[in-house]
PDB file of all heavy atoms in Angstrom:
ATOM      1  N   GLU A   1       0.836  -1.223  -0.006  1.00  0.00           N
ATOM      2  CA  GLU A   1      -0.020   0.006  -0.068  1.00  0.00           C
ATOM      3  C   GLU A   1       0.886   1.301  -0.002  1.00  0.00           C
ATOM      4  O   GLU A   1       0.476   2.236  -0.557  1.00  0.00           O
ATOM      5  CB  GLU A   1      -0.903   0.067   1.220  1.00  0.00           C
ATOM      6  CG  GLU A   1      -2.035   1.062   1.146  1.00  0.00           C
ATOM      7  CD  GLU A   1      -3.158   0.817   2.122  1.00  0.00           C
ATOM      8  OE1 GLU A   1      -3.062  -0.176   2.834  1.00  0.00           O
ATOM      9  OE2 GLU A   1      -4.121   1.584   2.132  1.00  0.00           O
ATOM     10  N   PHE A   2       1.999   1.183   0.696  1.00  0.00           N
ATOM     11  CA  PHE A   2       2.923   2.337   0.679  1.00  0.00           C
ATOM     12  C   PHE A   2       4.358   1.923   0.421  1.00  0.00           C
ATOM     13  O   PHE A   2       4.731   0.795   0.859  1.00  0.00           O
ATOM     14  CB  PHE A   2       2.869   3.029   2.076  1.00  0.00           C
ATOM     15  CG  PHE A   2       1.536   3.511   2.518  1.00  0.00           C
ATOM     16  CD1 PHE A   2       0.767   2.894   3.361  1.00  0.00           C
ATOM     17  CD2 PHE A   2       1.021   4.680   1.800  1.00  0.00           C
ATOM     18  CE1 PHE A   2      -0.524   3.304   3.744  1.00  0.00           C
ATOM     19  CE2 PHE A   2      -0.265   5.121   2.202  1.00  0.00           C
ATOM     20  CZ  PHE A   2      -1.032   4.456   3.129  1.00  0.00           C
ATOM     21  N   ALA A   3       5.127   2.700  -0.183  1.00  0.00           N
ATOM     22  CA  ALA A   3       6.533   2.394  -0.462  1.00  0.00           C
ATOM     23  C   ALA A   3       7.344   2.797   0.731  1.00  0.00           C
ATOM     24  O   ALA A   3       6.937   3.619   1.522  1.00  0.00           O
ATOM     25  CB  ALA A   3       6.989   3.225  -1.736  1.00  0.00           C
ATOM     26  N   ASN A   4       8.466   2.074   0.926  1.00  0.00           N
ATOM     27  CA  ASN A   4       9.375   2.384   2.039  1.00  0.00           C
ATOM     28  C   ASN A   4       9.951   3.746   1.913  1.00  0.00           C
ATOM     29  O   ASN A   4      10.391   4.117   0.782  1.00  0.00           O
ATOM     30  CB  ASN A   4      10.495   1.319   2.094  1.00  0.00           C
ATOM     31  CG  ASN A   4       9.985  -0.042   2.507  1.00  0.00           C
ATOM     32  OD1 ASN A   4       8.958  -0.174   3.238  1.00  0.00           O
ATOM     33  ND2 ASN A   4      10.591  -1.110   2.036  1.00  0.00           N
ATOM     34  N   HIS A   5       9.997   4.526   3.024  1.00  0.00           N
ATOM     35  CA  HIS A   5      10.474   5.891   2.883  1.00  0.00           C
ATOM     36  C   HIS A   5      11.917   5.919   3.342  1.00  0.00           C
ATOM     37  O   HIS A   5      12.256   5.804   4.513  1.00  0.00           O
ATOM     38  CB  HIS A   5       9.634   6.800   3.845  1.00  0.00           C
ATOM     39  CG  HIS A   5       9.965   8.266   3.723  1.00  0.00           C
ATOM     40  ND1 HIS A   5       9.762   9.002   2.606  1.00  0.00           N
ATOM     41  CD2 HIS A   5      10.580   9.079   4.643  1.00  0.00           C
ATOM     42  CE1 HIS A   5      10.183  10.250   2.818  1.00  0.00           C
ATOM     43  NE2 HIS A   5      10.742  10.293   4.021  1.00  0.00           N
ATOM     44  N   ASN A   6      12.836   6.133   2.383  1.00  0.00           N
ATOM     45  CA  ASN A   6      14.285   6.053   2.689  1.00  0.00           C
ATOM     46  C   ASN A   6      14.950   7.430   2.593  1.00  0.00           C
ATOM     47  O   ASN A   6      16.095   7.548   2.954  1.00  0.00           O
ATOM     48  CB  ASN A   6      14.949   5.082   1.761  1.00  0.00           C
ATOM     49  CG  ASN A   6      14.462   3.653   1.949  1.00  0.00           C
ATOM     50  OD1 ASN A   6      14.289   3.270   3.058  1.00  0.00           O
ATOM     51  ND2 ASN A   6      14.288   2.943   0.850  1.00  0.00           N
ATOM     52  N   SER A   7      14.277   8.415   2.060  1.00  0.00           N
ATOM     53  CA  SER A   7      14.861   9.722   1.910  1.00  0.00           C
ATOM     54  C   SER A   7      14.886  10.532   3.163  1.00  0.00           C
ATOM     55  O   SER A   7      14.028  10.329   4.019  1.00  0.00           O
ATOM     56  CB  SER A   7      14.147  10.498   0.787  1.00  0.00           C
ATOM     57  OG  SER A   7      12.822  10.742   1.221  1.00  0.00           O
ATOM     58  N   SER A   8      15.926  11.395   3.291  1.00  0.00           N
ATOM     59  CA  SER A   8      16.023  12.215   4.476  1.00  0.00           C
ATOM     60  C   SER A   8      15.567  13.621   4.116  1.00  0.00           C
ATOM     61  O   SER A   8      15.700  14.071   3.020  1.00  0.00           O
ATOM     62  CB  SER A   8      17.456  12.195   5.013  1.00  0.00           C
ATOM     63  OG  SER A   8      18.329  12.692   3.996  1.00  0.00           O
ATOM     64  N   ALA A   9      15.077  14.359   5.138  1.00  0.00           N
ATOM     65  CA  ALA A   9      14.610  15.735   4.854  1.00  0.00           C
ATOM     66  C   ALA A   9      15.730  16.695   4.517  1.00  0.00           C
ATOM     67  O   ALA A   9      16.895  16.452   5.050  1.00  0.00           O
ATOM     68  CB  ALA A   9      13.858  16.244   6.143  1.00  0.00           C
ATOM     69  N   ASN A  10      15.495  17.606   3.671  1.00  0.00           N
ATOM     70  CA  ASN A  10      16.526  18.647   3.361  1.00  0.00           C
ATOM     71  C   ASN A  10      16.763  19.565   4.547  1.00  0.00           C
ATOM     72  O   ASN A  10      15.863  19.920   5.280  1.00  0.00           O
ATOM     73  CB  ASN A  10      16.068  19.484   2.147  1.00  0.00           C
ATOM     74  CG  ASN A  10      16.003  18.734   0.874  1.00  0.00           C
ATOM     75  OD1 ASN A  10      16.802  17.873   0.698  1.00  0.00           O
ATOM     76  ND2 ASN A  10      14.981  19.025   0.018  1.00  0.00           N
ATOM     77  N   ILE A  11      18.037  19.838   4.722  1.00  0.00           N
ATOM     78  CA  ILE A  11      18.424  20.712   5.824  1.00  0.00           C
ATOM     79  C   ILE A  11      18.848  22.071   5.224  1.00  0.00           C
ATOM     80  O   ILE A  11      19.713  22.193   4.375  1.00  0.00           O
ATOM     81  CB  ILE A  11      19.604  20.168   6.605  1.00  0.00           C
ATOM     82  CG1 ILE A  11      19.258  18.807   7.256  1.00  0.00           C
ATOM     83  CG2 ILE A  11      20.099  21.181   7.682  1.00  0.00           C
ATOM     84  CD1 ILE A  11      20.379  18.108   7.945  1.00  0.00           C
ATOM     85  N   ILE A  12      18.136  23.178   5.612  1.00  0.00           N
ATOM     86  CA  ILE A  12      18.448  24.541   5.137  1.00  0.00           C
ATOM     87  C   ILE A  12      19.561  25.099   5.967  1.00  0.00           C
ATOM     88  O   ILE A  12      19.427  25.328   7.228  1.00  0.00           O
ATOM     89  CB  ILE A  12      17.187  25.438   5.220  1.00  0.00           C
ATOM     90  CG1 ILE A  12      16.085  24.822   4.316  1.00  0.00           C
ATOM     91  CG2 ILE A  12      17.535  26.813   4.694  1.00  0.00           C
ATOM     92  CD1 ILE A  12      14.786  25.533   4.396  1.00  0.00           C
ATOM     93  N   ILE A  13      20.731  25.358   5.340  1.00  0.00           N
ATOM     94  CA  ILE A  13      21.837  25.922   6.070  1.00  0.00           C
ATOM     95  C   ILE A  13      21.772  27.484   5.989  1.00  0.00           C
ATOM     96  O   ILE A  13      22.085  28.103   6.990  1.00  0.00           O
ATOM     97  CB  ILE A  13      23.137  25.370   5.415  1.00  0.00           C
ATOM     98  CG1 ILE A  13      23.225  23.864   5.680  1.00  0.00           C
ATOM     99  CG2 ILE A  13      24.394  26.039   6.130  1.00  0.00           C
ATOM    100  CD1 ILE A  13      24.376  23.218   4.963  1.00  0.00           C
ATOM    101  N   ASP A  14      21.442  28.036   4.878  1.00  0.00           N
ATOM    102  CA  ASP A  14      21.434  29.393   4.645  1.00  0.00           C
ATOM    103  C   ASP A  14      20.072  29.780   4.053  1.00  0.00           C
ATOM    104  O   ASP A  14      19.818  29.540   2.909  1.00  0.00           O
ATOM    105  CB  ASP A  14      22.529  29.846   3.754  1.00  0.00           C
ATOM    106  CG  ASP A  14      22.718  31.385   3.640  1.00  0.00           C
ATOM    107  OD1 ASP A  14      21.681  32.067   3.719  1.00  0.00           O
ATOM    108  OD2 ASP A  14      23.891  31.818   3.438  1.00  0.00           O
ATOM    109  N   ASP A  15      19.222  30.449   4.892  1.00  0.00           N
ATOM    110  CA  ASP A  15      17.872  30.808   4.397  1.00  0.00           C
ATOM    111  C   ASP A  15      17.921  31.754   3.200  1.00  0.00           C
ATOM    112  O   ASP A  15      17.127  31.548   2.223  1.00  0.00           O
ATOM    113  CB  ASP A  15      17.074  31.545   5.564  1.00  0.00           C
ATOM    114  CG  ASP A  15      16.526  30.554   6.512  1.00  0.00           C
ATOM    115  OD1 ASP A  15      16.333  29.330   6.107  1.00  0.00           O
ATOM    116  OD2 ASP A  15      16.131  30.939   7.619  1.00  0.00           O
ATOM    117  N   ASP A  16      18.801  32.735   3.180  1.00  0.00           N
ATOM    118  CA  ASP A  16      18.905  33.746   2.051  1.00  0.00           C
ATOM    119  C   ASP A  16      19.277  32.975   0.762  1.00  0.00           C
ATOM    120  O   ASP A  16      18.746  33.221  -0.263  1.00  0.00           O
ATOM    121  CB  ASP A  16      19.840  34.844   2.398  1.00  0.00           C
ATOM    122  CG  ASP A  16      19.351  35.716   3.510  1.00  0.00           C
ATOM    123  OD1 ASP A  16      18.086  35.736   3.733  1.00  0.00           O
ATOM    124  OD2 ASP A  16      20.145  36.398   4.143  1.00  0.00           O
ATOM    125  N   GLU A  17      20.261  32.075   0.882  1.00  0.00           N
ATOM    126  CA  GLU A  17      20.762  31.379  -0.228  1.00  0.00           C
ATOM    127  C   GLU A  17      19.600  30.468  -0.780  1.00  0.00           C
ATOM    128  O   GLU A  17      19.480  30.325  -1.986  1.00  0.00           O
ATOM    129  CB  GLU A  17      21.984  30.556   0.065  1.00  0.00           C
ATOM    130  CG  GLU A  17      22.620  29.811  -1.032  1.00  0.00           C
ATOM    131  CD  GLU A  17      23.260  30.737  -2.117  1.00  0.00           C
ATOM    132  OE1 GLU A  17      23.534  31.886  -1.773  1.00  0.00           O
ATOM    133  OE2 GLU A  17      23.388  30.250  -3.262  1.00  0.00           O
ATOM    134  N   PHE A  18      18.964  29.809   0.115  1.00  0.00           N
ATOM    135  CA  PHE A  18      17.837  28.951  -0.234  1.00  0.00           C
ATOM    136  C   PHE A  18      16.716  29.675  -1.017  1.00  0.00           C
ATOM    137  O   PHE A  18      16.274  29.267  -2.037  1.00  0.00           O
ATOM    138  CB  PHE A  18      17.255  28.235   0.971  1.00  0.00           C
ATOM    139  CG  PHE A  18      16.337  27.078   0.641  1.00  0.00           C
ATOM    140  CD1 PHE A  18      16.844  25.855   0.261  1.00  0.00           C
ATOM    141  CD2 PHE A  18      14.949  27.236   0.855  1.00  0.00           C
ATOM    142  CE1 PHE A  18      16.009  24.854  -0.061  1.00  0.00           C
ATOM    143  CE2 PHE A  18      14.159  26.148   0.553  1.00  0.00           C
ATOM    144  CZ  PHE A  18      14.636  24.930   0.071  1.00  0.00           C
ATOM    145  N   ASP A  19      16.361  30.852  -0.470  1.00  0.00           N
ATOM    146  CA  ASP A  19      15.340  31.689  -1.091  1.00  0.00           C
ATOM    147  C   ASP A  19      15.771  32.138  -2.533  1.00  0.00           C
ATOM    148  O   ASP A  19      14.986  32.137  -3.484  1.00  0.00           O
ATOM    149  CB  ASP A  19      15.005  32.952  -0.235  1.00  0.00           C
ATOM    150  CG  ASP A  19      14.329  32.591   0.986  1.00  0.00           C
ATOM    151  OD1 ASP A  19      13.715  31.466   1.058  1.00  0.00           O
ATOM    152  OD2 ASP A  19      14.382  33.460   2.006  1.00  0.00           O
ATOM    153  N   LYS A  20      17.054  32.468  -2.624  1.00  0.00           N
ATOM    154  CA  LYS A  20      17.637  32.891  -3.918  1.00  0.00           C
ATOM    155  C   LYS A  20      17.568  31.711  -4.906  1.00  0.00           C
ATOM    156  O   LYS A  20      17.148  31.824  -6.104  1.00  0.00           O
ATOM    157  CB  LYS A  20      19.095  33.319  -3.740  1.00  0.00           C
ATOM    158  CG  LYS A  20      19.743  33.789  -5.114  1.00  0.00           C
ATOM    159  CD  LYS A  20      21.208  34.276  -4.897  1.00  0.00           C
ATOM    160  CE  LYS A  20      21.799  34.737  -6.156  1.00  0.00           C
ATOM    161  NZ  LYS A  20      21.794  33.687  -7.150  1.00  0.00           N
ATOM    162  N   ASN A  21      17.835  30.526  -4.480  1.00  0.00           N
ATOM    163  CA  ASN A  21      17.789  29.352  -5.332  1.00  0.00           C
ATOM    164  C   ASN A  21      16.390  29.040  -5.818  1.00  0.00           C
ATOM    165  O   ASN A  21      16.129  28.697  -7.002  1.00  0.00           O
ATOM    166  CB  ASN A  21      18.369  28.069  -4.569  1.00  0.00           C
ATOM    167  CG  ASN A  21      19.867  28.172  -4.469  1.00  0.00           C
ATOM    168  OD1 ASN A  21      20.546  28.936  -5.120  1.00  0.00           O
ATOM    169  ND2 ASN A  21      20.379  27.432  -3.450  1.00  0.00           N
ATOM    170  N   ILE A  22      15.384  29.224  -4.918  1.00  0.00           N
ATOM    171  CA  ILE A  22      14.048  29.071  -5.311  1.00  0.00           C
ATOM    172  C   ILE A  22      13.646  30.079  -6.431  1.00  0.00           C
ATOM    173  O   ILE A  22      13.022  29.712  -7.431  1.00  0.00           O
ATOM    174  CB  ILE A  22      13.119  29.218  -4.090  1.00  0.00           C
ATOM    175  CG1 ILE A  22      13.304  28.075  -3.097  1.00  0.00           C
ATOM    176  CG2 ILE A  22      11.635  29.372  -4.549  1.00  0.00           C
ATOM    177  CD1 ILE A  22      12.539  28.263  -1.830  1.00  0.00           C
ATOM    178  N   LYS A  23      14.041  31.332  -6.271  1.00  0.00           N
ATOM    179  CA  LYS A  23      13.714  32.379  -7.233  1.00  0.00           C
ATOM    180  C   LYS A  23      14.384  32.059  -8.539  1.00  0.00           C
ATOM    181  O   LYS A  23      13.740  32.153  -9.675  1.00  0.00           O
ATOM    182  CB  LYS A  23      14.154  33.745  -6.661  1.00  0.00           C
ATOM    183  CG  LYS A  23      13.756  34.890  -7.594  1.00  0.00           C
ATOM    184  CD  LYS A  23      14.156  36.232  -6.979  1.00  0.00           C
ATOM    185  CE  LYS A  23      13.761  37.402  -7.860  1.00  0.00           C
ATOM    186  NZ  LYS A  23      14.315  37.345  -9.186  1.00  0.00           N
ATOM    187  N   ASP A  24      15.642  31.704  -8.554  1.00  0.00           N
ATOM    188  CA  ASP A  24      16.359  31.416  -9.777  1.00  0.00           C
ATOM    189  C   ASP A  24      15.791  30.266 -10.483  1.00  0.00           C
ATOM    190  O   ASP A  24      15.693  30.262 -11.723  1.00  0.00           O
ATOM    191  CB  ASP A  24      17.911  31.133  -9.456  1.00  0.00           C
ATOM    192  CG  ASP A  24      18.617  32.375  -8.975  1.00  0.00           C
ATOM    193  OD1 ASP A  24      18.010  33.565  -9.265  1.00  0.00           O
ATOM    194  OD2 ASP A  24      19.694  32.263  -8.401  1.00  0.00           O
ATOM    195  N   GLU A  25      15.388  29.230  -9.775  1.00  0.00           N
ATOM    196  CA  GLU A  25      14.876  28.018 -10.331  1.00  0.00           C
ATOM    197  C   GLU A  25      13.540  28.366 -11.040  1.00  0.00           C
ATOM    198  O   GLU A  25      13.322  27.885 -12.186  1.00  0.00           O
ATOM    199  CB  GLU A  25      14.629  26.964  -9.290  1.00  0.00           C
ATOM    200  CG  GLU A  25      13.970  25.647  -9.819  1.00  0.00           C
ATOM    201  CD  GLU A  25      13.717  24.666  -8.657  1.00  0.00           C
ATOM    202  OE1 GLU A  25      14.326  24.766  -7.606  1.00  0.00           O
ATOM    203  OE2 GLU A  25      12.808  23.874  -8.911  1.00  0.00           O
ATOM    204  N   ARG A  26      12.746  29.190 -10.376  1.00  0.00           N
ATOM    205  CA  ARG A  26      11.422  29.525 -11.063  1.00  0.00           C
ATOM    206  C   ARG A  26      11.663  30.518 -12.249  1.00  0.00           C
ATOM    207  O   ARG A  26      10.982  30.296 -13.219  1.00  0.00           O
ATOM    208  CB  ARG A  26      10.492  30.296  -9.970  1.00  0.00           C
ATOM    209  CG  ARG A  26       9.211  30.562 -10.545  1.00  0.00           C
ATOM    210  CD  ARG A  26       8.392  29.297 -10.950  1.00  0.00           C
ATOM    211  NE  ARG A  26       7.170  29.593 -11.630  1.00  0.00           N
ATOM    212  CZ  ARG A  26       7.105  29.715 -12.945  1.00  0.00           C
ATOM    213  NH1 ARG A  26       8.165  29.597 -13.744  1.00  0.00           N
ATOM    214  NH2 ARG A  26       5.924  29.927 -13.496  1.00  0.00           N
ATOM    215  N   ASP A  27      12.580  31.390 -12.116  1.00  0.00           N
ATOM    216  CA  ASP A  27      12.825  32.322 -13.269  1.00  0.00           C
ATOM    217  C   ASP A  27      13.322  31.585 -14.511  1.00  0.00           C
ATOM    218  O   ASP A  27      13.044  31.924 -15.654  1.00  0.00           O
ATOM    219  CB  ASP A  27      13.872  33.407 -12.836  1.00  0.00           C
ATOM    220  CG  ASP A  27      13.258  34.407 -11.871  1.00  0.00           C
ATOM    221  OD1 ASP A  27      12.010  34.439 -11.770  1.00  0.00           O
ATOM    222  OD2 ASP A  27      14.037  35.117 -11.181  1.00  0.00           O
ATOM    223  N   ASN A  28      14.095  30.477 -14.321  1.00  0.00           N
ATOM    224  CA  ASN A  28      14.641  29.809 -15.409  1.00  0.00           C
ATOM    225  C   ASN A  28      13.611  28.797 -15.997  1.00  0.00           C
ATOM    226  O   ASN A  28      13.795  28.296 -17.108  1.00  0.00           O
ATOM    227  CB  ASN A  28      15.868  28.912 -14.899  1.00  0.00           C
ATOM    228  CG  ASN A  28      17.058  29.851 -14.596  1.00  0.00           C
ATOM    229  OD1 ASN A  28      17.217  30.892 -15.187  1.00  0.00           O
ATOM    230  ND2 ASN A  28      17.860  29.422 -13.652  1.00  0.00           N
ATOM    231  N   ASN A  29      12.589  28.567 -15.247  1.00  0.00           N
ATOM    232  CA  ASN A  29      11.475  27.691 -15.739  1.00  0.00           C
ATOM    233  C   ASN A  29      10.381  28.548 -16.341  1.00  0.00           C
ATOM    234  O   ASN A  29       9.340  28.764 -15.799  1.00  0.00           O
ATOM    235  CB  ASN A  29      10.961  26.828 -14.606  1.00  0.00           C
ATOM    236  CG  ASN A  29       9.919  25.795 -15.124  1.00  0.00           C
ATOM    237  OD1 ASN A  29       9.796  25.544 -16.317  1.00  0.00           O
ATOM    238  ND2 ASN A  29       9.177  25.215 -14.207  1.00  0.00           N
ATOM    239  N   ASN A  30      10.603  28.989 -17.550  1.00  0.00           N
ATOM    240  CA  ASN A  30       9.653  29.901 -18.241  1.00  0.00           C
ATOM    241  C   ASN A  30       9.094  29.309 -19.541  1.00  0.00           C
ATOM    242  O   ASN A  30       8.732  30.024 -20.414  1.00  0.00           O
ATOM    243  CB  ASN A  30      10.302  31.272 -18.499  1.00  0.00           C
ATOM    244  CG  ASN A  30      11.580  31.119 -19.407  1.00  0.00           C
ATOM    245  OD1 ASN A  30      11.917  30.005 -19.801  1.00  0.00           O
ATOM    246  ND2 ASN A  30      12.178  32.268 -19.698  1.00  0.00           N
ATOM    247  N   GLU A  31       9.101  27.966 -19.600  1.00  0.00           N
ATOM    248  CA  GLU A  31       8.501  27.343 -20.811  1.00  0.00           C
ATOM    249  C   GLU A  31       7.104  27.606 -20.999  1.00  0.00           C
ATOM    250  O   GLU A  31       6.328  27.623 -20.054  1.00  0.00           O
ATOM    251  CB  GLU A  31       8.806  25.804 -20.772  1.00  0.00           C
ATOM    252  CG  GLU A  31      10.247  25.442 -20.918  1.00  0.00           C
ATOM    253  CD  GLU A  31      10.409  23.964 -21.059  1.00  0.00           C
ATOM    254  OE1 GLU A  31       9.375  23.264 -21.444  1.00  0.00           O
ATOM    255  OE2 GLU A  31      11.503  23.442 -20.799  1.00  0.00           O
ATOM    256  N   LYS A  32       6.649  27.905 -22.223  1.00  0.00           N
ATOM    257  CA  LYS A  32       5.291  28.140 -22.536  1.00  0.00           C
ATOM    258  C   LYS A  32       4.603  26.817 -22.898  1.00  0.00           C
ATOM    259  O   LYS A  32       5.206  25.841 -23.156  1.00  0.00           O
ATOM    260  CB  LYS A  32       5.156  29.097 -23.695  1.00  0.00           C
ATOM    261  CG  LYS A  32       5.674  30.501 -23.398  1.00  0.00           C
ATOM    262  CD  LYS A  32       5.503  31.417 -24.644  1.00  0.00           C
ATOM    263  CE  LYS A  32       6.023  32.818 -24.358  1.00  0.00           C
ATOM    264  NZ  LYS A  32       5.869  33.747 -25.467  1.00  0.00           N
ATOM    265  N   PHE A  33       3.235  26.874 -22.689  1.00  0.00           N
ATOM    266  CA  PHE A  33       2.449  25.685 -23.128  1.00  0.00           C
ATOM    267  C   PHE A  33       2.531  25.428 -24.562  1.00  0.00           C
ATOM    268  O   PHE A  33       2.677  26.410 -25.369  1.00  0.00           O
ATOM    269  CB  PHE A  33       0.992  25.825 -22.649  1.00  0.00           C
ATOM    270  CG  PHE A  33       0.847  25.733 -21.147  1.00  0.00           C
ATOM    271  CD1 PHE A  33       0.629  26.871 -20.402  1.00  0.00           C
ATOM    272  CD2 PHE A  33       0.857  24.509 -20.534  1.00  0.00           C
ATOM    273  CE1 PHE A  33       0.517  26.834 -19.010  1.00  0.00           C
ATOM    274  CE2 PHE A  33       0.608  24.384 -19.167  1.00  0.00           C
ATOM    275  CZ  PHE A  33       0.506  25.569 -18.425  1.00  0.00           C
ATOM    276  N   HIS A  34       2.382  24.198 -25.030  1.00  0.00           N
ATOM    277  CA  HIS A  34       2.297  23.898 -26.438  1.00  0.00           C
ATOM    278  C   HIS A  34       1.150  22.943 -26.715  1.00  0.00           C
ATOM    279  O   HIS A  34       0.699  22.236 -25.833  1.00  0.00           O
ATOM    280  CB  HIS A  34       3.645  23.214 -26.910  1.00  0.00           C
ATOM    281  CG  HIS A  34       3.931  21.884 -26.238  1.00  0.00           C
ATOM    282  ND1 HIS A  34       4.459  21.778 -25.022  1.00  0.00           N
ATOM    283  CD2 HIS A  34       3.650  20.619 -26.680  1.00  0.00           C
ATOM    284  CE1 HIS A  34       4.577  20.502 -24.654  1.00  0.00           C
ATOM    285  NE2 HIS A  34       4.103  19.783 -25.660  1.00  0.00           N
ATOM    286  N   ASN A  35       0.613  23.054 -27.910  1.00  0.00           N
ATOM    287  CA  ASN A  35      -0.546  22.287 -28.293  1.00  0.00           C
ATOM    288  C   ASN A  35      -0.135  20.833 -28.494  1.00  0.00           C
ATOM    289  O   ASN A  35       1.004  20.536 -29.023  1.00  0.00           O
ATOM    290  CB  ASN A  35      -1.180  22.793 -29.576  1.00  0.00           C
ATOM    291  CG  ASN A  35      -1.782  24.166 -29.349  1.00  0.00           C
ATOM    292  OD1 ASN A  35      -2.251  24.455 -28.291  1.00  0.00           O
ATOM    293  ND2 ASN A  35      -1.742  24.996 -30.356  1.00  0.00           N
TER     294      ASN A  35
END
């Protein structure tokens, strides 16, 4: 019914750097929809 959970949670070392990475990742993902 459920898969074994082996992954560990991400640890945020630098909040500012993490926020910047989120913004950069989203800005780089600007693909438009296609038919």
